[in-house]
Amino acid sequence: MMWSAVEFSHRFVREFAVQARVAFDATVGNGGDTAFLLSVVAEDGIVFGTDVQQTALDNAEQLLQQTPFTNYRLFNRSCTEVLACMQELGVETLDIVMMNCGYLPGGDKSVTTNANDTVLTIECCCNVLAVSGVLSVVVYPGHEAGASEVQAVEQFVRQLSPKQFQVCTYGAVNMMRSPQCYMVQRLR
């Protein structure tokens, strides 16, 4: 069986994020991607994440306390505030960015990421992505906000300069509501 979009994003990040020191989980949710990123960054690196729902951050904190890692920081902020978080942490570039869009699994399904914020965050992150840095975005077209989010993300990543970025997609093409993963690597 093929990998899910999230599994594929993890494989992509693990393969291409060599010697990563700074990772950003733009959508912390229940903390699964945050915990994954902690297993990928260097011991002296840092993982930071944002989520607008305190419930998500509480869930993530419970999960992260079960890991041996302490090199993380969670912010109760929108992912669009990535630059402010970076400034607060004293970091200038990102080696890894992960976004797993949609709604909080097990949470309020009316609270979702949205196309404008997602694209703004991707744009900000691309501007501060280190050379050879990677960004993955998983979007879910199975709900109304997700359908417009897929279109907006696709439109944005298609216009990224091929001289600076390589962009690939992963997802089932014969299933209309299949999650899509967009992977970006900065070339220079």
Protein backbone atom coordinates (compact mmCIF):
# COMPACT_ATOMS: atom_id res chain seq x y z
CA MET A 1 0.00 0.00 0.00
CA MET A 2 1.19 3.53 -0.75
CA TRP A 3 2.12 5.96 1.98
CA SER A 4 -0.35 8.56 3.23
CA ALA A 5 0.42 12.19 2.39
CA VAL A 6 1.66 12.72 5.97
CA GLU A 7 3.87 9.61 5.86
CA PHE A 8 5.29 10.80 2.55
CA SER A 9 6.00 14.27 3.95
CA HIS A 10 7.93 12.65 6.83
CA ARG A 11 9.95 10.53 4.39
CA PHE A 12 10.69 13.60 2.26
CA VAL A 13 11.82 15.66 5.23
CA ARG A 14 13.96 12.86 6.68
CA GLU A 15 15.65 12.27 3.32
CA PHE A 16 16.41 15.85 2.36
CA ALA A 17 16.75 17.77 5.62
CA VAL A 18 20.39 16.95 6.27
CA GLN A 19 21.99 18.58 9.34
CA ALA A 20 18.86 20.61 10.08
CA ARG A 21 19.17 22.98 13.02
CA VAL A 22 15.90 24.96 12.93
CA ALA A 23 12.51 23.42 12.19
CA PHE A 24 9.09 25.06 12.18
CA ASP A 25 5.82 23.17 12.64
CA ALA A 26 3.34 25.73 11.36
CA THR A 27 0.30 23.72 12.47
CA VAL A 28 1.14 21.93 15.72
CA GLY A 29 -2.19 20.16 16.12
CA ASN A 30 -1.80 17.20 18.45
CA GLY A 31 2.00 17.31 18.15
CA GLY A 32 2.75 14.41 15.81
CA ASP A 33 4.79 16.45 13.33
CA THR A 34 6.48 18.36 16.14
CA ALA A 35 7.63 15.09 17.72
CA PHE A 36 8.81 13.87 14.31
CA LEU A 37 10.79 17.08 13.74
CA LEU A 38 12.48 16.69 17.12
CA SER A 39 13.78 13.32 15.93
CA VAL A 40 15.25 14.94 12.79
CA VAL A 41 16.95 18.16 13.97
CA ALA A 42 20.45 18.24 15.38
CA GLU A 43 20.81 17.85 19.15
CA ASP A 44 21.70 21.54 19.48
CA GLY A 45 18.90 22.58 17.13
CA ILE A 46 15.41 23.80 17.91
CA VAL A 47 11.89 22.97 16.81
CA PHE A 48 9.20 25.58 17.22
CA GLY A 49 5.56 25.46 16.37
CA THR A 50 2.43 27.54 16.24
CA ASP A 51 -1.25 26.81 16.68
CA VAL A 52 -4.21 29.10 17.31
CA GLN A 53 -5.96 26.56 19.53
CA GLN A 54 -4.73 26.20 23.10
CA THR A 55 -6.29 22.72 23.19
CA ALA A 56 -3.96 21.67 20.39
CA LEU A 57 -0.92 23.03 22.22
CA ASP A 58 -1.98 21.26 25.44
CA ASN A 59 -2.37 17.98 23.53
CA ALA A 60 1.00 18.46 21.87
CA GLU A 61 2.70 19.28 25.16
CA GLN A 62 1.39 16.03 26.67
CA LEU A 63 2.82 14.08 23.74
CA LEU A 64 6.15 15.91 23.74
CA GLN A 65 6.67 15.39 27.47
CA GLN A 66 6.77 11.65 26.71
CA THR A 67 9.79 12.15 24.42
CA PRO A 68 13.38 12.68 25.56
CA PHE A 69 13.48 16.07 23.82
CA THR A 70 13.36 19.50 25.42
CA ASN A 71 14.62 21.61 22.50
CA TYR A 72 11.22 22.92 21.41
CA ARG A 73 8.99 25.93 21.89
CA LEU A 74 5.26 26.16 21.21
CA PHE A 75 3.50 29.45 20.46
CA ASN A 76 -0.22 30.13 20.77
CA ARG A 77 -0.17 32.17 17.58
CA SER A 78 -1.14 31.99 13.95
CA CYS A 79 1.36 30.40 11.58
CA THR A 80 1.42 33.76 9.77
CA GLU A 81 3.42 35.09 12.72
CA VAL A 82 6.41 32.88 11.88
CA LEU A 83 8.79 35.83 11.46
CA ALA A 84 7.89 37.24 14.89
CA CYS A 85 8.49 33.81 16.45
CA MET A 86 11.84 33.53 14.67
CA GLN A 87 12.85 36.97 15.93
CA GLU A 88 11.88 36.01 19.48
CA LEU A 89 14.00 32.85 19.20
CA GLY A 90 16.92 34.66 17.59
CA VAL A 91 16.95 32.58 14.39
CA GLU A 92 17.28 33.95 10.88
CA THR A 93 16.67 30.96 8.61
CA LEU A 94 14.61 27.78 8.61
CA ASP A 95 15.93 24.37 7.58
CA ILE A 96 12.58 22.56 7.73
CA VAL A 97 8.99 23.76 7.58
CA MET A 98 6.03 21.42 7.93
CA MET A 99 2.37 22.34 7.54
CA ASN A 100 -0.38 19.78 8.04
CA CYS A 101 -3.44 21.85 7.24
CA GLY A 102 -7.11 21.35 7.97
CA TYR A 103 -8.66 21.01 11.41
CA LEU A 104 -7.49 19.56 14.71
CA PRO A 105 -8.09 15.79 14.72
CA GLY A 106 -10.58 15.14 17.50
CA GLY A 107 -11.24 18.87 17.85
CA ASP A 108 -13.68 21.49 16.59
CA LYS A 109 -13.98 20.92 12.83
CA SER A 110 -15.25 24.46 12.30
CA VAL A 111 -11.80 25.82 13.18
CA THR A 112 -9.61 25.22 10.13
CA THR A 113 -6.60 26.60 8.41
CA ASN A 114 -7.49 28.85 5.49
CA ALA A 115 -6.07 29.46 2.04
CA ASN A 116 -4.92 33.04 2.65
CA ASP A 117 -3.03 32.30 5.86
CA THR A 118 -1.53 29.11 4.45
CA VAL A 119 -0.21 30.82 1.32
CA LEU A 120 1.07 33.81 3.33
CA THR A 121 2.92 31.43 5.65
CA ILE A 122 4.41 29.47 2.76
CA GLU A 123 5.57 32.71 1.16
CA CYS A 124 7.17 33.97 4.39
CA CYS A 125 8.86 30.61 4.97
CA CYS A 126 10.20 30.40 1.42
CA ASN A 127 11.81 33.81 1.94
CA VAL A 128 13.73 32.57 5.00
CA LEU A 129 14.28 28.96 3.96
CA ALA A 130 17.97 28.05 4.05
CA VAL A 131 19.71 26.73 0.95
CA SER A 132 18.83 23.01 0.72
CA GLY A 133 16.03 23.66 3.23
CA VAL A 134 12.73 21.85 2.77
CA LEU A 135 9.10 22.75 3.20
CA SER A 136 6.17 20.33 3.10
CA VAL A 137 2.49 21.20 3.05
CA VAL A 138 -0.26 18.61 3.38
CA VAL A 139 -3.72 19.86 2.41
CA TYR A 140 -7.07 18.12 2.59
CA PRO A 141 -9.62 18.90 -0.15
CA GLY A 142 -12.30 16.81 1.58
CA HIS A 143 -13.83 19.81 3.36
CA GLU A 144 -14.89 23.21 2.04
CA ALA A 145 -11.96 25.24 3.38
CA GLY A 146 -9.55 22.52 2.30
CA ALA A 147 -10.76 22.51 -1.30
CA SER A 148 -9.94 26.20 -1.75
CA GLU A 149 -6.70 25.71 0.19
CA VAL A 150 -5.49 23.05 -2.28
CA GLN A 151 -6.14 25.40 -5.21
CA ALA A 152 -4.39 28.34 -3.54
CA VAL A 153 -1.33 26.32 -2.49
CA GLU A 154 -1.02 24.74 -5.93
CA GLN A 155 -1.27 28.13 -7.61
CA PHE A 156 1.36 29.64 -5.30
CA VAL A 157 3.97 26.88 -5.49
CA ARG A 158 3.67 26.65 -9.27
CA GLN A 159 4.91 30.24 -9.58
CA LEU A 160 8.03 29.72 -7.45
CA SER A 161 11.21 30.29 -9.46
CA PRO A 162 12.66 27.00 -10.74
CA LYS A 163 16.09 28.59 -10.37
CA GLN A 164 15.55 28.92 -6.61
CA PHE A 165 13.12 26.12 -5.74
CA GLN A 166 12.20 22.63 -6.78
CA VAL A 167 8.54 21.76 -6.16
CA CYS A 168 6.96 18.30 -6.29
CA THR A 169 3.57 16.92 -5.36
CA TYR A 170 2.38 13.62 -3.94
CA GLY A 171 -1.17 12.34 -3.76
CA ALA A 172 -3.60 9.89 -5.30
CA VAL A 173 -4.77 11.23 -8.66
CA ASN A 174 -7.74 8.88 -9.01
CA MET A 175 -9.40 9.88 -5.72
CA MET A 176 -11.14 13.25 -5.81
CA ARG A 177 -10.73 14.11 -2.13
CA SER A 178 -7.30 12.65 -1.59
CA PRO A 179 -4.92 14.66 0.62
CA GLN A 180 -2.16 16.33 -1.35
CA CYS A 181 1.42 16.89 -0.25
CA TYR A 182 3.45 19.71 -1.77
CA MET A 183 7.20 19.53 -1.22
CA VAL A 184 9.53 22.45 -1.79
CA GLN A 185 13.32 22.46 -1.61
CA ARG A 186 15.39 25.61 -1.84
CA LEU A 187 18.14 25.20 -4.42
CA ARG A 188 19.97 28.48 -3.84
